[in-house]
Every structure is written in C-alpha cells, then in structure tokens.
Amino acid sequence: MTKAELIAGIGKEAKISKASAEKAINAFTNAVTKALKKGDKLTLTGFGTFTVAKRRARIGRNPQTGKEIKIPAARVAKFKAGNLLKSAVK
C-alpha cells in the first residue's frame, strides 16, 4: 500500500476529503517522528508501540569484497505490533 492509497482509504473510511486525510496522516507521522527524536515511547493501545533502540557499534563485512568495515553506533526506530493488530492479521 502506498501513501496515496492510505490517504484514499482513510478519506473513504472517515468520510472526509483526501486533503483532510493527507493532513491527518502528515500530522500523525510528524508527531511520531518528534516523539521518537526525543526518545519517547508512543503506545497506541491494541495497535502497537513505537520505540527507539540503541544499536552498538560493530564490525561488518562488505559483501562484494569481503573486507571488514566499521558500522557506527546508531539509534533506530522500532515498532512492536499490539494484540489486536496481531489477531487481525492472523
């Protein structure tokens, strides 16, 4: 599903215009991004939880040459699906 398809689906489901649905999607993604940048955890009960995890620096390999490379430490976004989402997908 693309962002355009999501906007159209939300607009139809909520009976709002595509422009309003797009504003809502953009506001949601901006809010999630800001929360994760601050290191906060965002929980949508039943749907899932967005968190930030720290990845340690490590040594990896370039698959083309086999040479060892240093992979720096990083903060990454994670999503864990909630029970309602898990059961709906089964």
PDB file of N, CA and C in Angstrom:
ATOM      1  N   MET A   1       0.849  -1.172   0.000  1.00  0.00           N
ATOM      2  CA  MET A   1       0.000   0.000   0.000  1.00  0.00           C
ATOM      3  C   MET A   1       0.893   1.232   0.000  1.00  0.00           C
ATOM      4  N   THR A   2       0.562   2.171  -0.861  1.00  0.00           N
ATOM      5  CA  THR A   2       1.315   3.417  -0.922  1.00  0.00           C
ATOM      6  C   THR A   2       0.655   4.467  -0.034  1.00  0.00           C
ATOM      7  N   LYS A   3       1.354   5.585   0.139  1.00  0.00           N
ATOM      8  CA  LYS A   3       0.796   6.670   0.950  1.00  0.00           C
ATOM      9  C   LYS A   3      -0.491   7.192   0.311  1.00  0.00           C
ATOM     10  N   ALA A   4      -0.516   7.297  -1.009  1.00  0.00           N
ATOM     11  CA  ALA A   4      -1.712   7.777  -1.712  1.00  0.00           C
ATOM     12  C   ALA A   4      -2.898   6.835  -1.483  1.00  0.00           C
ATOM     13  N   GLU A   5      -2.646   5.533  -1.508  1.00  0.00           N
ATOM     14  CA  GLU A   5      -3.711   4.557  -1.263  1.00  0.00           C
ATOM     15  C   GLU A   5      -4.194   4.642   0.185  1.00  0.00           C
ATOM     16  N   LEU A   6      -3.269   4.858   1.117  1.00  0.00           N
ATOM     17  CA  LEU A   6      -3.639   5.014   2.519  1.00  0.00           C
ATOM     18  C   LEU A   6      -4.512   6.252   2.712  1.00  0.00           C
ATOM     19  N   ILE A   7      -4.129   7.359   2.094  1.00  0.00           N
ATOM     20  CA  ILE A   7      -4.900   8.596   2.191  1.00  0.00           C
ATOM     21  C   ILE A   7      -6.305   8.393   1.637  1.00  0.00           C
ATOM     22  N   ALA A   8      -6.404   7.740   0.494  1.00  0.00           N
ATOM     23  CA  ALA A   8      -7.716   7.483  -0.111  1.00  0.00           C
ATOM     24  C   ALA A   8      -8.557   6.584   0.791  1.00  0.00           C
ATOM     25  N   GLY A   9      -7.948   5.559   1.371  1.00  0.00           N
ATOM     26  CA  GLY A   9      -8.669   4.645   2.256  1.00  0.00           C
ATOM     27  C   GLY A   9      -9.151   5.331   3.523  1.00  0.00           C
ATOM     28  N   ILE A  10      -8.317   6.173   4.113  1.00  0.00           N
ATOM     29  CA  ILE A  10      -8.713   6.900   5.326  1.00  0.00           C
ATOM     30  C   ILE A  10      -9.814   7.891   5.005  1.00  0.00           C
ATOM     31  N   GLY A  11      -9.684   8.581   3.879  1.00  0.00           N
ATOM     32  CA  GLY A  11     -10.712   9.530   3.468  1.00  0.00           C
ATOM     33  C   GLY A  11     -12.066   8.867   3.302  1.00  0.00           C
ATOM     34  N   LYS A  12     -12.057   7.698   2.679  1.00  0.00           N
ATOM     35  CA  LYS A  12     -13.308   6.952   2.453  1.00  0.00           C
ATOM     36  C   LYS A  12     -13.881   6.429   3.767  1.00  0.00           C
ATOM     37  N   GLU A  13     -13.029   5.839   4.611  1.00  0.00           N
ATOM     38  CA  GLU A  13     -13.466   5.252   5.885  1.00  0.00           C
ATOM     39  C   GLU A  13     -14.012   6.310   6.840  1.00  0.00           C
ATOM     40  N   ALA A  14     -13.332   7.461   6.909  1.00  0.00           N
ATOM     41  CA  ALA A  14     -13.740   8.512   7.841  1.00  0.00           C
ATOM     42  C   ALA A  14     -14.721   9.508   7.212  1.00  0.00           C
ATOM     43  N   LYS A  15     -15.004   9.311   5.922  1.00  0.00           N
ATOM     44  CA  LYS A  15     -15.915  10.194   5.177  1.00  0.00           C
ATOM     45  C   LYS A  15     -15.437  11.651   5.239  1.00  0.00           C
ATOM     46  N   ILE A  16     -14.131  11.819   4.936  1.00  0.00           N
ATOM     47  CA  ILE A  16     -13.548  13.155   4.856  1.00  0.00           C
ATOM     48  C   ILE A  16     -12.837  13.277   3.507  1.00  0.00           C
ATOM     49  N   SER A  17     -12.469  14.493   3.140  1.00  0.00           N
ATOM     50  CA  SER A  17     -11.789  14.699   1.861  1.00  0.00           C
ATOM     51  C   SER A  17     -10.382  14.118   1.906  1.00  0.00           C
ATOM     52  N   LYS A  18      -9.842  13.867   0.714  1.00  0.00           N
ATOM     53  CA  LYS A  18      -8.476  13.352   0.644  1.00  0.00           C
ATOM     54  C   LYS A  18      -7.485  14.365   1.211  1.00  0.00           C
ATOM     55  N   ALA A  19      -7.759  15.657   1.007  1.00  0.00           N
ATOM     56  CA  ALA A  19      -6.878  16.695   1.536  1.00  0.00           C
ATOM     57  C   ALA A  19      -6.841  16.656   3.061  1.00  0.00           C
ATOM     58  N   SER A  20      -8.006  16.478   3.685  1.00  0.00           N
ATOM     59  CA  SER A  20      -8.063  16.383   5.146  1.00  0.00           C
ATOM     60  C   SER A  20      -7.370  15.115   5.636  1.00  0.00           C
ATOM     61  N   ALA A  21      -7.566  14.019   4.923  1.00  0.00           N
ATOM     62  CA  ALA A  21      -6.927  12.760   5.294  1.00  0.00           C
ATOM     63  C   ALA A  21      -5.406  12.884   5.185  1.00  0.00           C
ATOM     64  N   GLU A  22      -4.937  13.567   4.148  1.00  0.00           N
ATOM     65  CA  GLU A  22      -3.494  13.751   3.981  1.00  0.00           C
ATOM     66  C   GLU A  22      -2.921  14.601   5.112  1.00  0.00           C
ATOM     67  N   LYS A  23      -3.641  15.652   5.500  1.00  0.00           N
ATOM     68  CA  LYS A  23      -3.194  16.485   6.621  1.00  0.00           C
ATOM     69  C   LYS A  23      -3.114  15.662   7.900  1.00  0.00           C
ATOM     70  N   ALA A  24      -4.098  14.788   8.112  1.00  0.00           N
ATOM     71  CA  ALA A  24      -4.114  13.941   9.306  1.00  0.00           C
ATOM     72  C   ALA A  24      -2.935  12.967   9.303  1.00  0.00           C
ATOM     73  N   ILE A  25      -2.668  12.341   8.167  1.00  0.00           N
ATOM     74  CA  ILE A  25      -1.545  11.398   8.059  1.00  0.00           C
ATOM     75  C   ILE A  25      -0.228  12.120   8.303  1.00  0.00           C
ATOM     76  N   ASN A  26      -0.056  13.289   7.684  1.00  0.00           N
ATOM     77  CA  ASN A  26       1.178  14.052   7.861  1.00  0.00           C
ATOM     78  C   ASN A  26       1.351  14.494   9.314  1.00  0.00           C
ATOM     79  N   ALA A  27       0.261  14.905   9.948  1.00  0.00           N
ATOM     80  CA  ALA A  27       0.327  15.312  11.357  1.00  0.00           C
ATOM     81  C   ALA A  27       0.719  14.120  12.235  1.00  0.00           C
ATOM     82  N   PHE A  28       0.154  12.955  11.953  1.00  0.00           N
ATOM     83  CA  PHE A  28       0.475  11.746  12.715  1.00  0.00           C
ATOM     84  C   PHE A  28       1.947  11.383  12.565  1.00  0.00           C
ATOM     85  N   THR A  29       2.450  11.348  11.330  1.00  0.00           N
ATOM     86  CA  THR A  29       3.841  10.960  11.125  1.00  0.00           C
ATOM     87  C   THR A  29       4.791  11.980  11.741  1.00  0.00           C
ATOM     88  N   ASN A  30       4.439  13.263  11.677  1.00  0.00           N
ATOM     89  CA  ASN A  30       5.278  14.288  12.307  1.00  0.00           C
ATOM     90  C   ASN A  30       5.303  14.125  13.822  1.00  0.00           C
ATOM     91  N   ALA A  31       4.154  13.840  14.420  1.00  0.00           N
ATOM     92  CA  ALA A  31       4.079  13.657  15.869  1.00  0.00           C
ATOM     93  C   ALA A  31       4.895  12.443  16.312  1.00  0.00           C
ATOM     94  N   VAL A  32       4.798  11.348  15.566  1.00  0.00           N
ATOM     95  CA  VAL A  32       5.565  10.142  15.884  1.00  0.00           C
ATOM     96  C   VAL A  32       7.063  10.434  15.757  1.00  0.00           C
ATOM     97  N   THR A  33       7.447  11.113  14.695  1.00  0.00           N
ATOM     98  CA  THR A  33       8.852  11.445  14.475  1.00  0.00           C
ATOM     99  C   THR A  33       9.398  12.300  15.607  1.00  0.00           C
ATOM    100  N   LYS A  34       8.664  13.328  16.002  1.00  0.00           N
ATOM    101  CA  LYS A  34       9.111  14.213  17.088  1.00  0.00           C
ATOM    102  C   LYS A  34       9.249  13.447  18.402  1.00  0.00           C
ATOM    103  N   ALA A  35       8.285  12.576  18.690  1.00  0.00           N
ATOM    104  CA  ALA A  35       8.338  11.796  19.930  1.00  0.00           C
ATOM    105  C   ALA A  35       9.555  10.875  19.938  1.00  0.00           C
ATOM    106  N   LEU A  36       9.819  10.203  18.825  1.00  0.00           N
ATOM    107  CA  LEU A  36      10.955   9.286  18.765  1.00  0.00           C
ATOM    108  C   LEU A  36      12.281  10.039  18.801  1.00  0.00           C
ATOM    109  N   LYS A  37      12.343  11.226  18.192  1.00  0.00           N
ATOM    110  CA  LYS A  37      13.570  12.033  18.258  1.00  0.00           C
ATOM    111  C   LYS A  37      13.913  12.381  19.693  1.00  0.00           C
ATOM    112  N   LYS A  38      12.882  12.654  20.516  1.00  0.00           N
ATOM    113  CA  LYS A  38      13.103  12.976  21.922  1.00  0.00           C
ATOM    114  C   LYS A  38      13.424  11.739  22.744  1.00  0.00           C
ATOM    115  N   GLY A  39      13.239  10.554  22.169  1.00  0.00           N
ATOM    116  CA  GLY A  39      13.500   9.319  22.892  1.00  0.00           C
ATOM    117  C   GLY A  39      12.276   8.785  23.608  1.00  0.00           C
ATOM    118  N   ASP A  40      11.117   9.392  23.359  1.00  0.00           N
ATOM    119  CA  ASP A  40       9.879   8.941  23.982  1.00  0.00           C
ATOM    120  C   ASP A  40       9.372   7.651  23.342  1.00  0.00           C
ATOM    121  N   LYS A  41       8.479   7.000  24.040  1.00  0.00           N
ATOM    122  CA  LYS A  41       7.810   5.784  23.557  1.00  0.00           C
ATOM    123  C   LYS A  41       6.370   6.178  23.239  1.00  0.00           C
ATOM    124  N   LEU A  42       5.846   5.736  22.106  1.00  0.00           N
ATOM    125  CA  LEU A  42       4.478   6.053  21.714  1.00  0.00           C
ATOM    126  C   LEU A  42       3.677   4.761  21.643  1.00  0.00           C
ATOM    127  N   THR A  43       2.641   4.669  22.462  1.00  0.00           N
ATOM    128  CA  THR A  43       1.820   3.462  22.506  1.00  0.00           C
ATOM    129  C   THR A  43       0.408   3.765  22.020  1.00  0.00           C
ATOM    130  N   LEU A  44      -0.049   2.995  21.045  1.00  0.00           N
ATOM    131  CA  LEU A  44      -1.423   3.047  20.580  1.00  0.00           C
ATOM    132  C   LEU A  44      -2.042   1.712  21.003  1.00  0.00           C
ATOM    133  N   THR A  45      -2.800   1.736  22.077  1.00  0.00           N
ATOM    134  CA  THR A  45      -3.319   0.514  22.682  1.00  0.00           C
ATOM    135  C   THR A  45      -4.048  -0.340  21.646  1.00  0.00           C
ATOM    136  N   GLY A  46      -3.661  -1.603  21.588  1.00  0.00           N
ATOM    137  CA  GLY A  46      -4.258  -2.545  20.656  1.00  0.00           C
ATOM    138  C   GLY A  46      -3.572  -2.554  19.302  1.00  0.00           C
ATOM    139  N   PHE A  47      -3.008  -1.417  18.886  1.00  0.00           N
ATOM    140  CA  PHE A  47      -2.355  -1.333  17.580  1.00  0.00           C
ATOM    141  C   PHE A  47      -0.875  -1.667  17.678  1.00  0.00           C
ATOM    142  N   GLY A  48      -0.160  -0.960  18.563  1.00  0.00           N
ATOM    143  CA  GLY A  48       1.258  -1.244  18.710  1.00  0.00           C
ATOM    144  C   GLY A  48       2.004  -0.130  19.402  1.00  0.00           C
ATOM    145  N   THR A  49       3.321  -0.321  19.510  1.00  0.00           N
ATOM    146  CA  THR A  49       4.182   0.617  20.220  1.00  0.00           C
ATOM    147  C   THR A  49       5.384   0.966  19.363  1.00  0.00           C
ATOM    148  N   PHE A  50       5.647   2.271  19.258  1.00  0.00           N
ATOM    149  CA  PHE A  50       6.833   2.777  18.582  1.00  0.00           C
ATOM    150  C   PHE A  50       7.860   3.111  19.660  1.00  0.00           C
ATOM    151  N   THR A  51       9.091   2.645  19.497  1.00  0.00           N
ATOM    152  CA  THR A  51      10.150   2.928  20.450  1.00  0.00           C
ATOM    153  C   THR A  51      11.446   3.240  19.700  1.00  0.00           C
ATOM    154  N   VAL A  52      12.428   3.730  20.454  1.00  0.00           N
ATOM    155  CA  VAL A  52      13.759   3.966  19.907  1.00  0.00           C
ATOM    156  C   VAL A  52      14.708   2.995  20.599  1.00  0.00           C
ATOM    157  N   ALA A  53      15.526   2.315  19.809  1.00  0.00           N
ATOM    158  CA  ALA A  53      16.512   1.378  20.354  1.00  0.00           C
ATOM    159  C   ALA A  53      17.906   1.865  19.975  1.00  0.00           C
ATOM    160  N   LYS A  54      18.869   1.557  20.831  1.00  0.00           N
ATOM    161  CA  LYS A  54      20.257   1.909  20.547  1.00  0.00           C
ATOM    162  C   LYS A  54      20.964   0.676  20.000  1.00  0.00           C
ATOM    163  N   ARG A  55      21.654   0.870  18.892  1.00  0.00           N
ATOM    164  CA  ARG A  55      22.435  -0.199  18.291  1.00  0.00           C
ATOM    165  C   ARG A  55      23.907   0.091  18.544  1.00  0.00           C
ATOM    166  N   ARG A  56      24.618  -0.864  19.084  1.00  0.00           N
ATOM    167  CA  ARG A  56      26.038  -0.671  19.372  1.00  0.00           C
ATOM    168  C   ARG A  56      26.848  -0.655  18.074  1.00  0.00           C
ATOM    169  N   ALA A  57      28.022  -0.042  18.139  1.00  0.00           N
ATOM    170  CA  ALA A  57      28.946  -0.088  17.001  1.00  0.00           C
ATOM    171  C   ALA A  57      29.429  -1.527  16.847  1.00  0.00           C
ATOM    172  N   ARG A  58      29.679  -1.915  15.622  1.00  0.00           N
ATOM    173  CA  ARG A  58      30.110  -3.288  15.384  1.00  0.00           C
ATOM    174  C   ARG A  58      30.942  -3.370  14.111  1.00  0.00           C
ATOM    175  N   ILE A  59      31.527  -4.513  13.910  1.00  0.00           N
ATOM    176  CA  ILE A  59      32.318  -4.769  12.705  1.00  0.00           C
ATOM    177  C   ILE A  59      31.449  -5.592  11.759  1.00  0.00           C
ATOM    178  N   GLY A  60      31.378  -5.160  10.501  1.00  0.00           N
ATOM    179  CA  GLY A  60      30.626  -5.892   9.488  1.00  0.00           C
ATOM    180  C   GLY A  60      31.530  -6.245   8.324  1.00  0.00           C
ATOM    181  N   ARG A  61      30.951  -6.799   7.292  1.00  0.00           N
ATOM    182  CA  ARG A  61      31.725  -7.160   6.093  1.00  0.00           C
ATOM    183  C   ARG A  61      31.050  -6.588   4.855  1.00  0.00           C
ATOM    184  N   ASN A  62      31.882  -6.074   3.967  1.00  0.00           N
ATOM    185  CA  ASN A  62      31.392  -5.650   2.669  1.00  0.00           C
ATOM    186  C   ASN A  62      31.125  -6.921   1.867  1.00  0.00           C
ATOM    187  N   PRO A  63      29.872  -7.161   1.439  1.00  0.00           N
ATOM    188  CA  PRO A  63      29.567  -8.422   0.763  1.00  0.00           C
ATOM    189  C   PRO A  63      30.262  -8.582  -0.592  1.00  0.00           C
ATOM    190  N   GLN A  64      30.634  -7.465  -1.222  1.00  0.00           N
ATOM    191  CA  GLN A  64      31.296  -7.569  -2.529  1.00  0.00           C
ATOM    192  C   GLN A  64      32.774  -7.917  -2.407  1.00  0.00           C
ATOM    193  N   THR A  65      33.437  -7.302  -1.423  1.00  0.00           N
ATOM    194  CA  THR A  65      34.881  -7.507  -1.310  1.00  0.00           C
ATOM    195  C   THR A  65      35.284  -8.419  -0.159  1.00  0.00           C
ATOM    196  N   GLY A  66      34.406  -8.587   0.815  1.00  0.00           N
ATOM    197  CA  GLY A  66      34.737  -9.394   1.980  1.00  0.00           C
ATOM    198  C   GLY A  66      35.536  -8.631   3.017  1.00  0.00           C
ATOM    199  N   LYS A  67      35.844  -7.357   2.744  1.00  0.00           N
ATOM    200  CA  LYS A  67      36.617  -6.528   3.669  1.00  0.00           C
ATOM    201  C   LYS A  67      35.803  -6.194   4.905  1.00  0.00           C
ATOM    202  N   GLU A  68      36.489  -6.125   6.047  1.00  0.00           N
ATOM    203  CA  GLU A  68      35.815  -5.715   7.280  1.00  0.00           C
ATOM    204  C   GLU A  68      35.591  -4.212   7.249  1.00  0.00           C
ATOM    205  N   ILE A  69      34.399  -3.790   7.745  1.00  0.00           N
ATOM    206  CA  ILE A  69      34.101  -2.364   7.842  1.00  0.00           C
ATOM    207  C   ILE A  69      33.543  -2.078   9.231  1.00  0.00           C
ATOM    208  N   LYS A  70      33.755  -0.844   9.687  1.00  0.00           N
ATOM    209  CA  LYS A  70      33.211  -0.440  10.978  1.00  0.00           C
ATOM    210  C   LYS A  70      31.827   0.142  10.765  1.00  0.00           C
ATOM    211  N   ILE A  71      30.855  -0.390  11.470  1.00  0.00           N
ATOM    212  CA  ILE A  71      29.495   0.131  11.423  1.00  0.00           C
ATOM    213  C   ILE A  71      29.293   0.931  12.707  1.00  0.00           C
ATOM    214  N   PRO A  72      29.010   2.239  12.592  1.00  0.00           N
ATOM    215  CA  PRO A  72      28.912   3.077  13.782  1.00  0.00           C
ATOM    216  C   PRO A  72      27.656   2.782  14.597  1.00  0.00           C
ATOM    217  N   ALA A  73      27.687   3.198  15.855  1.00  0.00           N
ATOM    218  CA  ALA A  73      26.513   3.075  16.718  1.00  0.00           C
ATOM    219  C   ALA A  73      25.404   3.952  16.144  1.00  0.00           C
ATOM    220  N   ALA A  74      24.144   3.559  16.385  1.00  0.00           N
ATOM    221  CA  ALA A  74      23.016   4.319  15.843  1.00  0.00           C
ATOM    222  C   ALA A  74      21.783   4.129  16.713  1.00  0.00           C
ATOM    223  N   ARG A  75      20.882   5.085  16.613  1.00  0.00           N
ATOM    224  CA  ARG A  75      19.558   4.956  17.220  1.00  0.00           C
ATOM    225  C   ARG A  75      18.599   4.600  16.100  1.00  0.00           C
ATOM    226  N   VAL A  76      17.761   3.590  16.321  1.00  0.00           N
ATOM    227  CA  VAL A  76      16.835   3.134  15.285  1.00  0.00           C
ATOM    228  C   VAL A  76      15.417   3.085  15.838  1.00  0.00           C
ATOM    229  N   ALA A  77      14.455   3.330  14.968  1.00  0.00           N
ATOM    230  CA  ALA A  77      13.047   3.252  15.336  1.00  0.00           C
ATOM    231  C   ALA A  77      12.595   1.798  15.252  1.00  0.00           C
ATOM    232  N   LYS A  78      11.777   1.389  16.224  1.00  0.00           N
ATOM    233  CA  LYS A  78      11.230   0.033  16.232  1.00  0.00           C
ATOM    234  C   LYS A  78       9.724   0.110  16.428  1.00  0.00           C
ATOM    235  N   PHE A  79       9.024  -0.886  15.899  1.00  0.00           N
ATOM    236  CA  PHE A  79       7.582  -0.983  16.079  1.00  0.00           C
ATOM    237  C   PHE A  79       7.265  -2.398  16.518  1.00  0.00           C
ATOM    238  N   LYS A  80       6.470  -2.511  17.581  1.00  0.00           N
ATOM    239  CA  LYS A  80       6.015  -3.818  18.050  1.00  0.00           C
ATOM    240  C   LYS A  80       4.497  -3.826  17.940  1.00  0.00           C
ATOM    241  N   ALA A  81       3.958  -4.757  17.196  1.00  0.00           N
ATOM    242  CA  ALA A  81       2.522  -4.844  16.976  1.00  0.00           C
ATOM    243  C   ALA A  81       1.798  -5.226  18.265  1.00  0.00           C
ATOM    244  N   GLY A  82       0.624  -4.633  18.476  1.00  0.00           N
ATOM    245  CA  GLY A  82      -0.213  -4.943  19.630  1.00  0.00           C
ATOM    246  C   GLY A  82      -1.068  -6.174  19.387  1.00  0.00           C
ATOM    247  N   ASN A  83      -1.749  -6.615  20.420  1.00  0.00           N
ATOM    248  CA  ASN A  83      -2.535  -7.851  20.324  1.00  0.00           C
ATOM    249  C   ASN A  83      -3.671  -7.773  19.323  1.00  0.00           C
ATOM    250  N   LEU A  84      -4.384  -6.652  19.274  1.00  0.00           N
ATOM    251  CA  LEU A  84      -5.493  -6.531  18.329  1.00  0.00           C
ATOM    252  C   LEU A  84      -4.992  -6.583  16.884  1.00  0.00           C
ATOM    253  N   LEU A  85      -3.882  -5.937  16.615  1.00  0.00           N
ATOM    254  CA  LEU A  85      -3.301  -5.960  15.258  1.00  0.00           C
ATOM    255  C   LEU A  85      -2.826  -7.365  14.922  1.00  0.00           C
ATOM    256  N   LYS A  86      -2.171  -8.020  15.858  1.00  0.00           N
ATOM    257  CA  LYS A  86      -1.679  -9.384  15.614  1.00  0.00           C
ATOM    258  C   LYS A  86      -2.833 -10.336  15.298  1.00  0.00           C
ATOM    259  N   SER A  87      -3.905 -10.243  16.078  1.00  0.00           N
ATOM    260  CA  SER A  87      -5.026 -11.167  15.848  1.00  0.00           C
ATOM    261  C   SER A  87      -5.767 -10.834  14.560  1.00  0.00           C
ATOM    262  N   ALA A  88      -5.798  -9.551  14.165  1.00  0.00           N
ATOM    263  CA  ALA A  88      -6.479  -9.174  12.923  1.00  0.00           C
ATOM    264  C   ALA A  88      -5.720  -9.690  11.700  1.00  0.00           C
ATOM    265  N   VAL A  89      -4.411  -9.810  11.816  1.00  0.00           N
ATOM    266  CA  VAL A  89      -3.591 -10.243  10.681  1.00  0.00           C
ATOM    267  C   VAL A  89      -3.606 -11.754  10.531  1.00  0.00           C
ATOM    268  N   LYS A  90      -3.825 -12.485  11.601  1.00  0.00           N
ATOM    269  CA  LYS A  90      -3.812 -13.968  11.546  1.00  0.00           C
ATOM    270  C   LYS A  90      -4.780 -14.509  10.554  1.00  0.00           C
TER     271      LYS A  90
END
